[in-house]
Amino acid sequence: MANDPIQDRYQPGAIGSEFEEHNFGEVNEGEIFRLNADDKDQSLYRKENETQAMDVKTRELHNLPANIKIYIKI
């Protein structure tokens, strides 16, 4: 079988991600998290209750569904 450089490339996943992915409904109240694991989006949120999170910087409350993916820094 001949080598096929396009098929033979090894594409490892992201090594050492600094965020854990969770659902909003799974985390405890008071937990600090991000909505994106992107380093460009620096917005931090704190879970206030089962349906709301507060933007830490602007102190505005946002309604979030329980099944939305959030990212917690390890």
PDB file of N, CA and C in Angstrom:
ATOM      1  N   MET A   1       0.841  -1.177   0.000  1.00  0.00           N
ATOM      2  CA  MET A   1       0.000   0.000   0.000  1.00  0.00           C
ATOM      3  C   MET A   1       0.891   1.248   0.000  1.00  0.00           C
ATOM      4  N   ALA A   2       0.656   2.155  -0.889  1.00  0.00           N
ATOM      5  CA  ALA A   2       1.455   3.370  -1.012  1.00  0.00           C
ATOM      6  C   ALA A   2       1.062   4.371   0.071  1.00  0.00           C
ATOM      7  N   ASN A   3       2.032   5.184   0.430  1.00  0.00           N
ATOM      8  CA  ASN A   3       1.750   6.233   1.412  1.00  0.00           C
ATOM      9  C   ASN A   3       0.911   7.331   0.773  1.00  0.00           C
ATOM     10  N   ASP A   4      -0.072   7.757   1.491  1.00  0.00           N
ATOM     11  CA  ASP A   4      -0.931   8.850   1.038  1.00  0.00           C
ATOM     12  C   ASP A   4      -0.784   9.971   2.060  1.00  0.00           C
ATOM     13  N   PRO A   5      -0.015  11.035   1.742  1.00  0.00           N
ATOM     14  CA  PRO A   5       0.247  12.085   2.743  1.00  0.00           C
ATOM     15  C   PRO A   5      -1.015  12.748   3.294  1.00  0.00           C
ATOM     16  N   ILE A   6      -2.048  12.823   2.503  1.00  0.00           N
ATOM     17  CA  ILE A   6      -3.280  13.443   2.988  1.00  0.00           C
ATOM     18  C   ILE A   6      -3.967  12.540   4.009  1.00  0.00           C
ATOM     19  N   GLN A   7      -3.958  11.244   3.778  1.00  0.00           N
ATOM     20  CA  GLN A   7      -4.593  10.300   4.694  1.00  0.00           C
ATOM     21  C   GLN A   7      -3.726  10.006   5.912  1.00  0.00           C
ATOM     22  N   ASP A   8      -2.403  10.184   5.796  1.00  0.00           N
ATOM     23  CA  ASP A   8      -1.478   9.783   6.849  1.00  0.00           C
ATOM     24  C   ASP A   8      -1.218  10.862   7.889  1.00  0.00           C
ATOM     25  N   ARG A   9      -1.767  12.020   7.738  1.00  0.00           N
ATOM     26  CA  ARG A   9      -1.522  13.090   8.707  1.00  0.00           C
ATOM     27  C   ARG A   9      -2.164  12.763  10.043  1.00  0.00           C
ATOM     28  N   TYR A  10      -1.406  13.020  11.090  1.00  0.00           N
ATOM     29  CA  TYR A  10      -1.923  12.826  12.445  1.00  0.00           C
ATOM     30  C   TYR A  10      -2.393  14.168  12.963  1.00  0.00           C
ATOM     31  N   GLN A  11      -3.644  14.263  13.335  1.00  0.00           N
ATOM     32  CA  GLN A  11      -4.237  15.505  13.830  1.00  0.00           C
ATOM     33  C   GLN A  11      -4.636  15.324  15.294  1.00  0.00           C
ATOM     34  N   PRO A  12      -3.722  15.563  16.225  1.00  0.00           N
ATOM     35  CA  PRO A  12      -4.098  15.402  17.633  1.00  0.00           C
ATOM     36  C   PRO A  12      -5.081  16.477  18.068  1.00  0.00           C
ATOM     37  N   GLY A  13      -5.891  16.142  19.054  1.00  0.00           N
ATOM     38  CA  GLY A  13      -6.830  17.113  19.603  1.00  0.00           C
ATOM     39  C   GLY A  13      -6.095  18.166  20.406  1.00  0.00           C
ATOM     40  N   ALA A  14      -6.832  19.100  20.927  1.00  0.00           N
ATOM     41  CA  ALA A  14      -6.236  20.147  21.746  1.00  0.00           C
ATOM     42  C   ALA A  14      -5.636  19.526  23.003  1.00  0.00           C
ATOM     43  N   ILE A  15      -4.385  19.804  23.232  1.00  0.00           N
ATOM     44  CA  ILE A  15      -3.691  19.231  24.380  1.00  0.00           C
ATOM     45  C   ILE A  15      -3.757  20.221  25.533  1.00  0.00           C
ATOM     46  N   GLY A  16      -4.177  19.733  26.680  1.00  0.00           N
ATOM     47  CA  GLY A  16      -4.163  20.556  27.871  1.00  0.00           C
ATOM     48  C   GLY A  16      -5.146  21.707  27.849  1.00  0.00           C
ATOM     49  N   SER A  17      -6.368  21.459  27.446  1.00  0.00           N
ATOM     50  CA  SER A  17      -7.366  22.526  27.479  1.00  0.00           C
ATOM     51  C   SER A  17      -7.539  23.010  28.907  1.00  0.00           C
ATOM     52  N   GLU A  18      -7.653  24.315  29.090  1.00  0.00           N
ATOM     53  CA  GLU A  18      -7.762  24.849  30.441  1.00  0.00           C
ATOM     54  C   GLU A  18      -9.217  25.011  30.903  1.00  0.00           C
ATOM     55  N   PHE A  19     -10.180  24.511  30.107  1.00  0.00           N
ATOM     56  CA  PHE A  19     -11.582  24.619  30.465  1.00  0.00           C
ATOM     57  C   PHE A  19     -12.253  23.254  30.476  1.00  0.00           C
ATOM     58  N   GLU A  20     -13.168  23.069  31.416  1.00  0.00           N
ATOM     59  CA  GLU A  20     -14.022  21.886  31.445  1.00  0.00           C
ATOM     60  C   GLU A  20     -15.402  22.283  30.958  1.00  0.00           C
ATOM     61  N   GLU A  21     -16.016  21.435  30.130  1.00  0.00           N
ATOM     62  CA  GLU A  21     -17.341  21.709  29.596  1.00  0.00           C
ATOM     63  C   GLU A  21     -18.400  21.091  30.512  1.00  0.00           C
ATOM     64  N   HIS A  22     -19.421  21.872  30.859  1.00  0.00           N
ATOM     65  CA  HIS A  22     -20.529  21.428  31.697  1.00  0.00           C
ATOM     66  C   HIS A  22     -21.827  21.982  31.127  1.00  0.00           C
ATOM     67  N   ASN A  23     -22.945  21.456  31.581  1.00  0.00           N
ATOM     68  CA  ASN A  23     -24.248  22.058  31.309  1.00  0.00           C
ATOM     69  C   ASN A  23     -24.549  23.038  32.430  1.00  0.00           C
ATOM     70  N   PHE A  24     -25.231  24.126  32.102  1.00  0.00           N
ATOM     71  CA  PHE A  24     -25.548  25.156  33.091  1.00  0.00           C
ATOM     72  C   PHE A  24     -26.321  24.577  34.278  1.00  0.00           C
ATOM     73  N   GLY A  25     -27.245  23.662  34.023  1.00  0.00           N
ATOM     74  CA  GLY A  25     -28.053  23.089  35.090  1.00  0.00           C
ATOM     75  C   GLY A  25     -27.290  22.194  36.049  1.00  0.00           C
ATOM     76  N   GLU A  26     -26.089  21.757  35.673  1.00  0.00           N
ATOM     77  CA  GLU A  26     -25.309  20.839  36.497  1.00  0.00           C
ATOM     78  C   GLU A  26     -24.432  21.521  37.540  1.00  0.00           C
ATOM     79  N   VAL A  27     -24.124  22.798  37.364  1.00  0.00           N
ATOM     80  CA  VAL A  27     -23.174  23.456  38.264  1.00  0.00           C
ATOM     81  C   VAL A  27     -23.889  24.097  39.453  1.00  0.00           C
ATOM     82  N   ASN A  28     -23.141  24.307  40.517  1.00  0.00           N
ATOM     83  CA  ASN A  28     -23.677  24.890  41.745  1.00  0.00           C
ATOM     84  C   ASN A  28     -23.847  26.396  41.618  1.00  0.00           C
ATOM     85  N   GLU A  29     -24.760  26.933  42.408  1.00  0.00           N
ATOM     86  CA  GLU A  29     -24.934  28.393  42.457  1.00  0.00           C
ATOM     87  C   GLU A  29     -23.657  29.027  42.985  1.00  0.00           C
ATOM     88  N   GLY A  30     -23.298  30.175  42.416  1.00  0.00           N
ATOM     89  CA  GLY A  30     -22.081  30.874  42.806  1.00  0.00           C
ATOM     90  C   GLY A  30     -20.872  30.509  41.964  1.00  0.00           C
ATOM     91  N   GLU A  31     -21.002  29.504  41.106  1.00  0.00           N
ATOM     92  CA  GLU A  31     -19.891  29.058  40.251  1.00  0.00           C
ATOM     93  C   GLU A  31     -19.612  30.107  39.175  1.00  0.00           C
ATOM     94  N   ILE A  32     -18.324  30.387  38.928  1.00  0.00           N
ATOM     95  CA  ILE A  32     -17.900  31.329  37.901  1.00  0.00           C
ATOM     96  C   ILE A  32     -17.604  30.538  36.628  1.00  0.00           C
ATOM     97  N   PHE A  33     -18.086  31.024  35.479  1.00  0.00           N
ATOM     98  CA  PHE A  33     -17.918  30.301  34.223  1.00  0.00           C
ATOM     99  C   PHE A  33     -17.913  31.253  33.044  1.00  0.00           C
ATOM    100  N   ARG A  34     -17.622  30.701  31.875  1.00  0.00           N
ATOM    101  CA  ARG A  34     -17.698  31.422  30.602  1.00  0.00           C
ATOM    102  C   ARG A  34     -18.697  30.716  29.712  1.00  0.00           C
ATOM    103  N   LEU A  35     -19.257  31.448  28.760  1.00  0.00           N
ATOM    104  CA  LEU A  35     -20.152  30.839  27.777  1.00  0.00           C
ATOM    105  C   LEU A  35     -19.375  30.307  26.582  1.00  0.00           C
ATOM    106  N   ASN A  36     -18.143  30.765  26.393  1.00  0.00           N
ATOM    107  CA  ASN A  36     -17.285  30.298  25.304  1.00  0.00           C
ATOM    108  C   ASN A  36     -15.925  29.940  25.880  1.00  0.00           C
ATOM    109  N   ALA A  37     -15.295  28.923  25.324  1.00  0.00           N
ATOM    110  CA  ALA A  37     -13.949  28.550  25.770  1.00  0.00           C
ATOM    111  C   ALA A  37     -12.891  29.383  25.049  1.00  0.00           C
ATOM    112  N   ASP A  38     -13.349  30.322  24.217  1.00  0.00           N
ATOM    113  CA  ASP A  38     -12.465  31.196  23.450  1.00  0.00           C
ATOM    114  C   ASP A  38     -11.713  32.141  24.378  1.00  0.00           C
ATOM    115  N   ASP A  39     -10.425  32.338  24.127  1.00  0.00           N
ATOM    116  CA  ASP A  39      -9.674  33.323  24.902  1.00  0.00           C
ATOM    117  C   ASP A  39     -10.025  34.750  24.495  1.00  0.00           C
ATOM    118  N   LYS A  40     -10.614  34.911  23.305  1.00  0.00           N
ATOM    119  CA  LYS A  40     -10.994  36.241  22.835  1.00  0.00           C
ATOM    120  C   LYS A  40     -12.183  36.794  23.617  1.00  0.00           C
ATOM    121  N   ASP A  41     -13.095  35.905  24.013  1.00  0.00           N
ATOM    122  CA  ASP A  41     -14.265  36.324  24.783  1.00  0.00           C
ATOM    123  C   ASP A  41     -13.938  36.166  26.266  1.00  0.00           C
ATOM    124  N   GLN A  42     -13.717  37.275  26.937  1.00  0.00           N
ATOM    125  CA  GLN A  42     -13.291  37.257  28.331  1.00  0.00           C
ATOM    126  C   GLN A  42     -14.446  37.430  29.320  1.00  0.00           C
ATOM    127  N   SER A  43     -15.692  37.371  28.854  1.00  0.00           N
ATOM    128  CA  SER A  43     -16.847  37.583  29.724  1.00  0.00           C
ATOM    129  C   SER A  43     -16.987  36.456  30.738  1.00  0.00           C
ATOM    130  N   LEU A  44     -17.084  36.830  32.005  1.00  0.00           N
ATOM    131  CA  LEU A  44     -17.279  35.869  33.087  1.00  0.00           C
ATOM    132  C   LEU A  44     -18.682  36.025  33.647  1.00  0.00           C
ATOM    133  N   TYR A  45     -19.274  34.913  34.034  1.00  0.00           N
ATOM    134  CA  TYR A  45     -20.622  34.892  34.591  1.00  0.00           C
ATOM    135  C   TYR A  45     -20.613  34.105  35.893  1.00  0.00           C
ATOM    136  N   ARG A  46     -21.529  34.451  36.793  1.00  0.00           N
ATOM    137  CA  ARG A  46     -21.721  33.702  38.035  1.00  0.00           C
ATOM    138  C   ARG A  46     -23.153  33.200  38.065  1.00  0.00           C
ATOM    139  N   LYS A  47     -23.323  31.920  38.380  1.00  0.00           N
ATOM    140  CA  LYS A  47     -24.661  31.344  38.456  1.00  0.00           C
ATOM    141  C   LYS A  47     -25.359  31.878  39.700  1.00  0.00           C
ATOM    142  N   GLU A  48     -26.512  32.511  39.507  1.00  0.00           N
ATOM    143  CA  GLU A  48     -27.277  33.089  40.609  1.00  0.00           C
ATOM    144  C   GLU A  48     -28.371  32.143  41.103  1.00  0.00           C
ATOM    145  N   ASN A  49     -29.053  31.486  40.179  1.00  0.00           N
ATOM    146  CA  ASN A  49     -30.080  30.503  40.525  1.00  0.00           C
ATOM    147  C   ASN A  49     -30.196  29.528  39.360  1.00  0.00           C
ATOM    148  N   GLU A  50     -31.223  28.706  39.352  1.00  0.00           N
ATOM    149  CA  GLU A  50     -31.342  27.657  38.336  1.00  0.00           C
ATOM    150  C   GLU A  50     -31.573  28.176  36.922  1.00  0.00           C
ATOM    151  N   THR A  51     -32.007  29.429  36.777  1.00  0.00           N
ATOM    152  CA  THR A  51     -32.306  29.952  35.443  1.00  0.00           C
ATOM    153  C   THR A  51     -31.537  31.218  35.080  1.00  0.00           C
ATOM    154  N   GLN A  52     -30.788  31.799  36.027  1.00  0.00           N
ATOM    155  CA  GLN A  52     -30.138  33.075  35.756  1.00  0.00           C
ATOM    156  C   GLN A  52     -28.658  33.060  36.111  1.00  0.00           C
ATOM    157  N   ALA A  53     -27.912  33.827  35.317  1.00  0.00           N
ATOM    158  CA  ALA A  53     -26.498  34.051  35.579  1.00  0.00           C
ATOM    159  C   ALA A  53     -26.227  35.544  35.476  1.00  0.00           C
ATOM    160  N   MET A  54     -25.288  36.028  36.286  1.00  0.00           N
ATOM    161  CA  MET A  54     -24.956  37.445  36.291  1.00  0.00           C
ATOM    162  C   MET A  54     -23.600  37.651  35.629  1.00  0.00           C
ATOM    163  N   ASP A  55     -23.536  38.613  34.697  1.00  0.00           N
ATOM    164  CA  ASP A  55     -22.269  39.023  34.107  1.00  0.00           C
ATOM    165  C   ASP A  55     -21.480  39.714  35.211  1.00  0.00           C
ATOM    166  N   VAL A  56     -20.293  39.217  35.508  1.00  0.00           N
ATOM    167  CA  VAL A  56     -19.513  39.721  36.638  1.00  0.00           C
ATOM    168  C   VAL A  56     -19.105  41.176  36.430  1.00  0.00           C
ATOM    169  N   LYS A  57     -18.803  41.560  35.200  1.00  0.00           N
ATOM    170  CA  LYS A  57     -18.337  42.922  34.936  1.00  0.00           C
ATOM    171  C   LYS A  57     -19.474  43.936  34.925  1.00  0.00           C
ATOM    172  N   THR A  58     -20.559  43.642  34.198  1.00  0.00           N
ATOM    173  CA  THR A  58     -21.644  44.607  34.057  1.00  0.00           C
ATOM    174  C   THR A  58     -22.728  44.430  35.120  1.00  0.00           C
ATOM    175  N   ARG A  59     -22.709  43.304  35.829  1.00  0.00           N
ATOM    176  CA  ARG A  59     -23.668  42.959  36.884  1.00  0.00           C
ATOM    177  C   ARG A  59     -25.105  42.865  36.351  1.00  0.00           C
ATOM    178  N   GLU A  60     -25.242  42.500  35.069  1.00  0.00           N
ATOM    179  CA  GLU A  60     -26.554  42.291  34.460  1.00  0.00           C
ATOM    180  C   GLU A  60     -26.933  40.818  34.559  1.00  0.00           C
ATOM    181  N   LEU A  61     -28.213  40.551  34.833  1.00  0.00           N
ATOM    182  CA  LEU A  61     -28.702  39.182  34.894  1.00  0.00           C
ATOM    183  C   LEU A  61     -29.139  38.722  33.510  1.00  0.00           C
ATOM    184  N   HIS A  62     -28.805  37.462  33.187  1.00  0.00           N
ATOM    185  CA  HIS A  62     -29.173  36.858  31.913  1.00  0.00           C
ATOM    186  C   HIS A  62     -29.884  35.547  32.196  1.00  0.00           C
ATOM    187  N   ASN A  63     -30.959  35.288  31.470  1.00  0.00           N
ATOM    188  CA  ASN A  63     -31.665  34.010  31.582  1.00  0.00           C
ATOM    189  C   ASN A  63     -30.980  32.999  30.677  1.00  0.00           C
ATOM    190  N   LEU A  64     -30.658  31.828  31.235  1.00  0.00           N
ATOM    191  CA  LEU A  64     -29.986  30.781  30.477  1.00  0.00           C
ATOM    192  C   LEU A  64     -30.745  29.465  30.630  1.00  0.00           C
ATOM    193  N   PRO A  65     -30.857  28.693  29.548  1.00  0.00           N
ATOM    194  CA  PRO A  65     -31.486  27.372  29.661  1.00  0.00           C
ATOM    195  C   PRO A  65     -30.556  26.403  30.394  1.00  0.00           C
ATOM    196  N   ALA A  66     -31.128  25.410  31.030  1.00  0.00           N
ATOM    197  CA  ALA A  66     -30.347  24.455  31.827  1.00  0.00           C
ATOM    198  C   ALA A  66     -29.415  23.603  30.978  1.00  0.00           C
ATOM    199  N   ASN A  67     -29.715  23.442  29.692  1.00  0.00           N
ATOM    200  CA  ASN A  67     -28.907  22.548  28.860  1.00  0.00           C
ATOM    201  C   ASN A  67     -27.841  23.267  28.030  1.00  0.00           C
ATOM    202  N   ILE A  68     -27.615  24.563  28.245  1.00  0.00           N
ATOM    203  CA  ILE A  68     -26.602  25.286  27.493  1.00  0.00           C
ATOM    204  C   ILE A  68     -25.210  24.853  28.005  1.00  0.00           C
ATOM    205  N   LYS A  69     -24.263  24.737  27.083  1.00  0.00           N
ATOM    206  CA  LYS A  69     -22.900  24.362  27.433  1.00  0.00           C
ATOM    207  C   LYS A  69     -22.170  25.572  27.994  1.00  0.00           C
ATOM    208  N   ILE A  70     -21.517  25.382  29.137  1.00  0.00           N
ATOM    209  CA  ILE A  70     -20.698  26.430  29.735  1.00  0.00           C
ATOM    210  C   ILE A  70     -19.297  25.858  29.968  1.00  0.00           C
ATOM    211  N   TYR A  71     -18.348  26.736  30.225  1.00  0.00           N
ATOM    212  CA  TYR A  71     -16.954  26.325  30.375  1.00  0.00           C
ATOM    213  C   TYR A  71     -16.392  26.895  31.671  1.00  0.00           C
ATOM    214  N   ILE A  72     -15.843  26.012  32.486  1.00  0.00           N
ATOM    215  CA  ILE A  72     -15.271  26.382  33.771  1.00  0.00           C
ATOM    216  C   ILE A  72     -13.770  26.182  33.695  1.00  0.00           C
ATOM    217  N   LYS A  73     -13.033  27.199  34.114  1.00  0.00           N
ATOM    218  CA  LYS A  73     -11.573  27.124  34.071  1.00  0.00           C
ATOM    219  C   LYS A  73     -11.094  26.162  35.145  1.00  0.00           C
ATOM    220  N   ILE A  74     -10.151  25.318  34.766  1.00  0.00           N
ATOM    221  CA  ILE A  74      -9.618  24.304  35.698  1.00  0.00           C
ATOM    222  C   ILE A  74      -8.639  24.956  36.649  1.00  0.00           C
TER     223      ILE A  74
END
